[in-house]
Amino acid sequence: MTGTRLLSATESSQYLGLSKTTFLRMVKDGSLPSQIRITERRIVWDVRDLDAYIDTIKAEKAPKFR
């Protein structure tokens, strides 16, 4: 990882432990945060958005106590 806040598709998929194909499919179907277009050819994801996604799925899977 580059230590930067903005990650490429490859870096983002590695960050989440997914294949690049699965990562891009999940972005396309809206399961993962949308990309940010920096230039016409440079597309990135904000690591904070990816962290928020991780926090969301952790909260959904957390045990519910009464």
N, C-alpha and C. Protein backbone atom coordinates (compact mmCIF):
# COMPACT_ATOMS: atom_id res chain seq x y z
N MET A 1 0.85 -1.18 0.00
CA MET A 1 0.00 0.00 0.00
C MET A 1 0.89 1.24 0.00
N THR A 2 0.41 2.28 -0.58
CA THR A 2 1.22 3.48 -0.74
C THR A 2 1.17 4.41 0.47
N GLY A 3 0.28 4.19 1.42
CA GLY A 3 0.17 5.07 2.58
C GLY A 3 -0.61 6.34 2.29
N THR A 4 -1.28 6.37 1.18
CA THR A 4 -2.04 7.54 0.78
C THR A 4 -3.53 7.33 1.06
N ARG A 5 -4.26 8.41 1.05
CA ARG A 5 -5.69 8.34 1.32
C ARG A 5 -6.47 7.84 0.11
N LEU A 6 -5.97 8.09 -1.09
CA LEU A 6 -6.65 7.69 -2.31
C LEU A 6 -5.99 6.45 -2.89
N LEU A 7 -6.81 5.44 -3.19
CA LEU A 7 -6.31 4.16 -3.65
C LEU A 7 -6.86 3.83 -5.04
N SER A 8 -6.04 3.17 -5.83
CA SER A 8 -6.48 2.68 -7.14
C SER A 8 -7.43 1.50 -6.94
N ALA A 9 -8.01 1.02 -8.02
CA ALA A 9 -8.90 -0.14 -7.93
C ALA A 9 -8.14 -1.35 -7.42
N THR A 10 -6.93 -1.55 -7.89
CA THR A 10 -6.12 -2.68 -7.44
C THR A 10 -5.80 -2.55 -5.96
N GLU A 11 -5.36 -1.37 -5.53
CA GLU A 11 -5.05 -1.15 -4.12
C GLU A 11 -6.30 -1.29 -3.24
N SER A 12 -7.42 -0.77 -3.72
CA SER A 12 -8.67 -0.85 -2.96
C SER A 12 -9.13 -2.29 -2.80
N SER A 13 -9.04 -3.06 -3.86
CA SER A 13 -9.44 -4.46 -3.78
C SER A 13 -8.54 -5.22 -2.82
N GLN A 14 -7.25 -4.95 -2.85
CA GLN A 14 -6.31 -5.59 -1.92
C GLN A 14 -6.61 -5.15 -0.48
N TYR A 15 -6.93 -3.89 -0.30
CA TYR A 15 -7.25 -3.35 1.03
C TYR A 15 -8.42 -4.09 1.66
N LEU A 16 -9.41 -4.44 0.81
CA LEU A 16 -10.60 -5.14 1.29
C LEU A 16 -10.46 -6.66 1.23
N GLY A 17 -9.36 -7.14 0.67
CA GLY A 17 -9.16 -8.58 0.57
C GLY A 17 -10.03 -9.24 -0.49
N LEU A 18 -10.33 -8.50 -1.55
CA LEU A 18 -11.16 -9.00 -2.64
C LEU A 18 -10.34 -9.07 -3.92
N SER A 19 -10.79 -9.90 -4.86
CA SER A 19 -10.17 -9.84 -6.18
C SER A 19 -10.60 -8.53 -6.83
N LYS A 20 -9.83 -8.08 -7.79
CA LYS A 20 -10.16 -6.82 -8.47
C LYS A 20 -11.50 -6.96 -9.19
N THR A 21 -11.75 -8.12 -9.78
CA THR A 21 -13.02 -8.36 -10.48
C THR A 21 -14.20 -8.25 -9.53
N THR A 22 -14.10 -8.90 -8.38
CA THR A 22 -15.18 -8.84 -7.38
C THR A 22 -15.36 -7.42 -6.87
N PHE A 23 -14.25 -6.74 -6.60
CA PHE A 23 -14.32 -5.35 -6.14
C PHE A 23 -15.08 -4.48 -7.14
N LEU A 24 -14.70 -4.55 -8.41
CA LEU A 24 -15.35 -3.71 -9.43
C LEU A 24 -16.82 -4.08 -9.63
N ARG A 25 -17.15 -5.37 -9.51
CA ARG A 25 -18.54 -5.80 -9.62
C ARG A 25 -19.36 -5.21 -8.46
N MET A 26 -18.79 -5.23 -7.26
CA MET A 26 -19.50 -4.70 -6.09
C MET A 26 -19.65 -3.18 -6.17
N VAL A 27 -18.67 -2.49 -6.75
CA VAL A 27 -18.80 -1.04 -6.97
C VAL A 27 -19.94 -0.79 -7.95
N LYS A 28 -19.95 -1.57 -9.03
CA LYS A 28 -20.96 -1.39 -10.07
C LYS A 28 -22.37 -1.64 -9.55
N ASP A 29 -22.53 -2.65 -8.67
CA ASP A 29 -23.88 -2.94 -8.18
C ASP A 29 -24.27 -2.11 -6.95
N GLY A 30 -23.36 -1.21 -6.51
CA GLY A 30 -23.68 -0.29 -5.43
C GLY A 30 -23.38 -0.82 -4.04
N SER A 31 -22.79 -2.00 -3.94
CA SER A 31 -22.45 -2.57 -2.63
C SER A 31 -21.27 -1.86 -1.99
N LEU A 32 -20.39 -1.32 -2.79
CA LEU A 32 -19.20 -0.61 -2.32
C LEU A 32 -19.27 0.85 -2.72
N PRO A 33 -18.50 1.71 -2.05
CA PRO A 33 -18.50 3.13 -2.38
C PRO A 33 -18.11 3.40 -3.84
N SER A 34 -18.65 4.47 -4.38
CA SER A 34 -18.33 4.87 -5.75
C SER A 34 -16.92 5.43 -5.85
N GLN A 35 -16.41 5.38 -7.03
CA GLN A 35 -15.08 5.91 -7.31
C GLN A 35 -15.10 7.43 -7.40
N ILE A 36 -13.90 7.99 -7.33
CA ILE A 36 -13.69 9.43 -7.50
C ILE A 36 -12.83 9.60 -8.75
N ARG A 37 -13.32 10.38 -9.69
CA ARG A 37 -12.55 10.62 -10.92
C ARG A 37 -11.67 11.85 -10.71
N ILE A 38 -10.36 11.64 -10.63
CA ILE A 38 -9.39 12.71 -10.42
C ILE A 38 -9.10 13.43 -11.74
N THR A 39 -8.84 12.64 -12.77
CA THR A 39 -8.65 13.16 -14.12
C THR A 39 -9.45 12.26 -15.05
N GLU A 40 -9.37 12.52 -16.33
CA GLU A 40 -10.11 11.68 -17.28
C GLU A 40 -9.68 10.22 -17.19
N ARG A 41 -8.41 9.99 -16.86
CA ARG A 41 -7.90 8.62 -16.85
C ARG A 41 -7.60 8.07 -15.45
N ARG A 42 -7.69 8.89 -14.42
CA ARG A 42 -7.32 8.47 -13.06
C ARG A 42 -8.56 8.36 -12.19
N ILE A 43 -8.86 7.13 -11.75
CA ILE A 43 -10.00 6.86 -10.91
C ILE A 43 -9.48 6.25 -9.61
N VAL A 44 -9.99 6.76 -8.48
CA VAL A 44 -9.51 6.31 -7.17
C VAL A 44 -10.69 6.13 -6.21
N TRP A 45 -10.39 5.52 -5.07
CA TRP A 45 -11.34 5.38 -3.97
C TRP A 45 -10.72 5.96 -2.73
N ASP A 46 -11.53 6.62 -1.92
CA ASP A 46 -11.07 7.21 -0.67
C ASP A 46 -11.03 6.11 0.38
N VAL A 47 -9.88 5.94 1.02
CA VAL A 47 -9.73 4.89 2.03
C VAL A 47 -10.72 5.08 3.18
N ARG A 48 -11.11 6.32 3.46
CA ARG A 48 -12.11 6.56 4.52
C ARG A 48 -13.47 5.97 4.15
N ASP A 49 -13.83 6.05 2.87
CA ASP A 49 -15.08 5.44 2.41
C ASP A 49 -15.01 3.92 2.54
N LEU A 50 -13.86 3.35 2.22
CA LEU A 50 -13.69 1.91 2.35
C LEU A 50 -13.75 1.50 3.82
N ASP A 51 -13.15 2.30 4.69
CA ASP A 51 -13.21 2.02 6.13
C ASP A 51 -14.65 2.10 6.65
N ALA A 52 -15.41 3.06 6.15
CA ALA A 52 -16.82 3.19 6.55
C ALA A 52 -17.60 1.95 6.11
N TYR A 53 -17.30 1.43 4.93
CA TYR A 53 -17.94 0.21 4.45
C TYR A 53 -17.61 -0.95 5.40
N ILE A 54 -16.34 -1.07 5.79
CA ILE A 54 -15.93 -2.13 6.71
C ILE A 54 -16.68 -1.99 8.04
N ASP A 55 -16.76 -0.77 8.56
CA ASP A 55 -17.47 -0.54 9.83
C ASP A 55 -18.95 -0.93 9.71
N THR A 56 -19.55 -0.65 8.57
CA THR A 56 -20.96 -0.98 8.34
C THR A 56 -21.18 -2.48 8.36
N ILE A 57 -20.33 -3.22 7.65
CA ILE A 57 -20.55 -4.67 7.63
C ILE A 57 -20.22 -5.30 8.97
N LYS A 58 -19.27 -4.72 9.70
CA LYS A 58 -18.98 -5.22 11.06
C LYS A 58 -20.19 -5.01 11.96
N ALA A 59 -20.82 -3.85 11.87
CA ALA A 59 -21.98 -3.54 12.70
C ALA A 59 -23.15 -4.45 12.37
N GLU A 60 -23.32 -4.78 11.09
CA GLU A 60 -24.41 -5.65 10.67
C GLU A 60 -24.22 -7.07 11.18
N LYS A 61 -22.98 -7.49 11.33
CA LYS A 61 -22.69 -8.86 11.75
C LYS A 61 -22.47 -8.99 13.26
N ALA A 62 -22.49 -7.87 13.96
CA ALA A 62 -22.27 -7.89 15.41
C ALA A 62 -23.44 -8.59 16.09
N PRO A 63 -23.15 -9.35 17.15
CA PRO A 63 -24.25 -10.01 17.86
C PRO A 63 -25.18 -8.98 18.50
N LYS A 64 -26.46 -9.28 18.46
CA LYS A 64 -27.47 -8.40 19.04
C LYS A 64 -27.87 -8.96 20.41
N PHE A 65 -27.72 -8.15 21.44
CA PHE A 65 -28.08 -8.57 22.79
C PHE A 65 -29.34 -7.85 23.22
N ARG A 66 -30.14 -8.52 23.99
CA ARG A 66 -31.38 -7.91 24.49
C ARG A 66 -31.19 -7.39 25.86
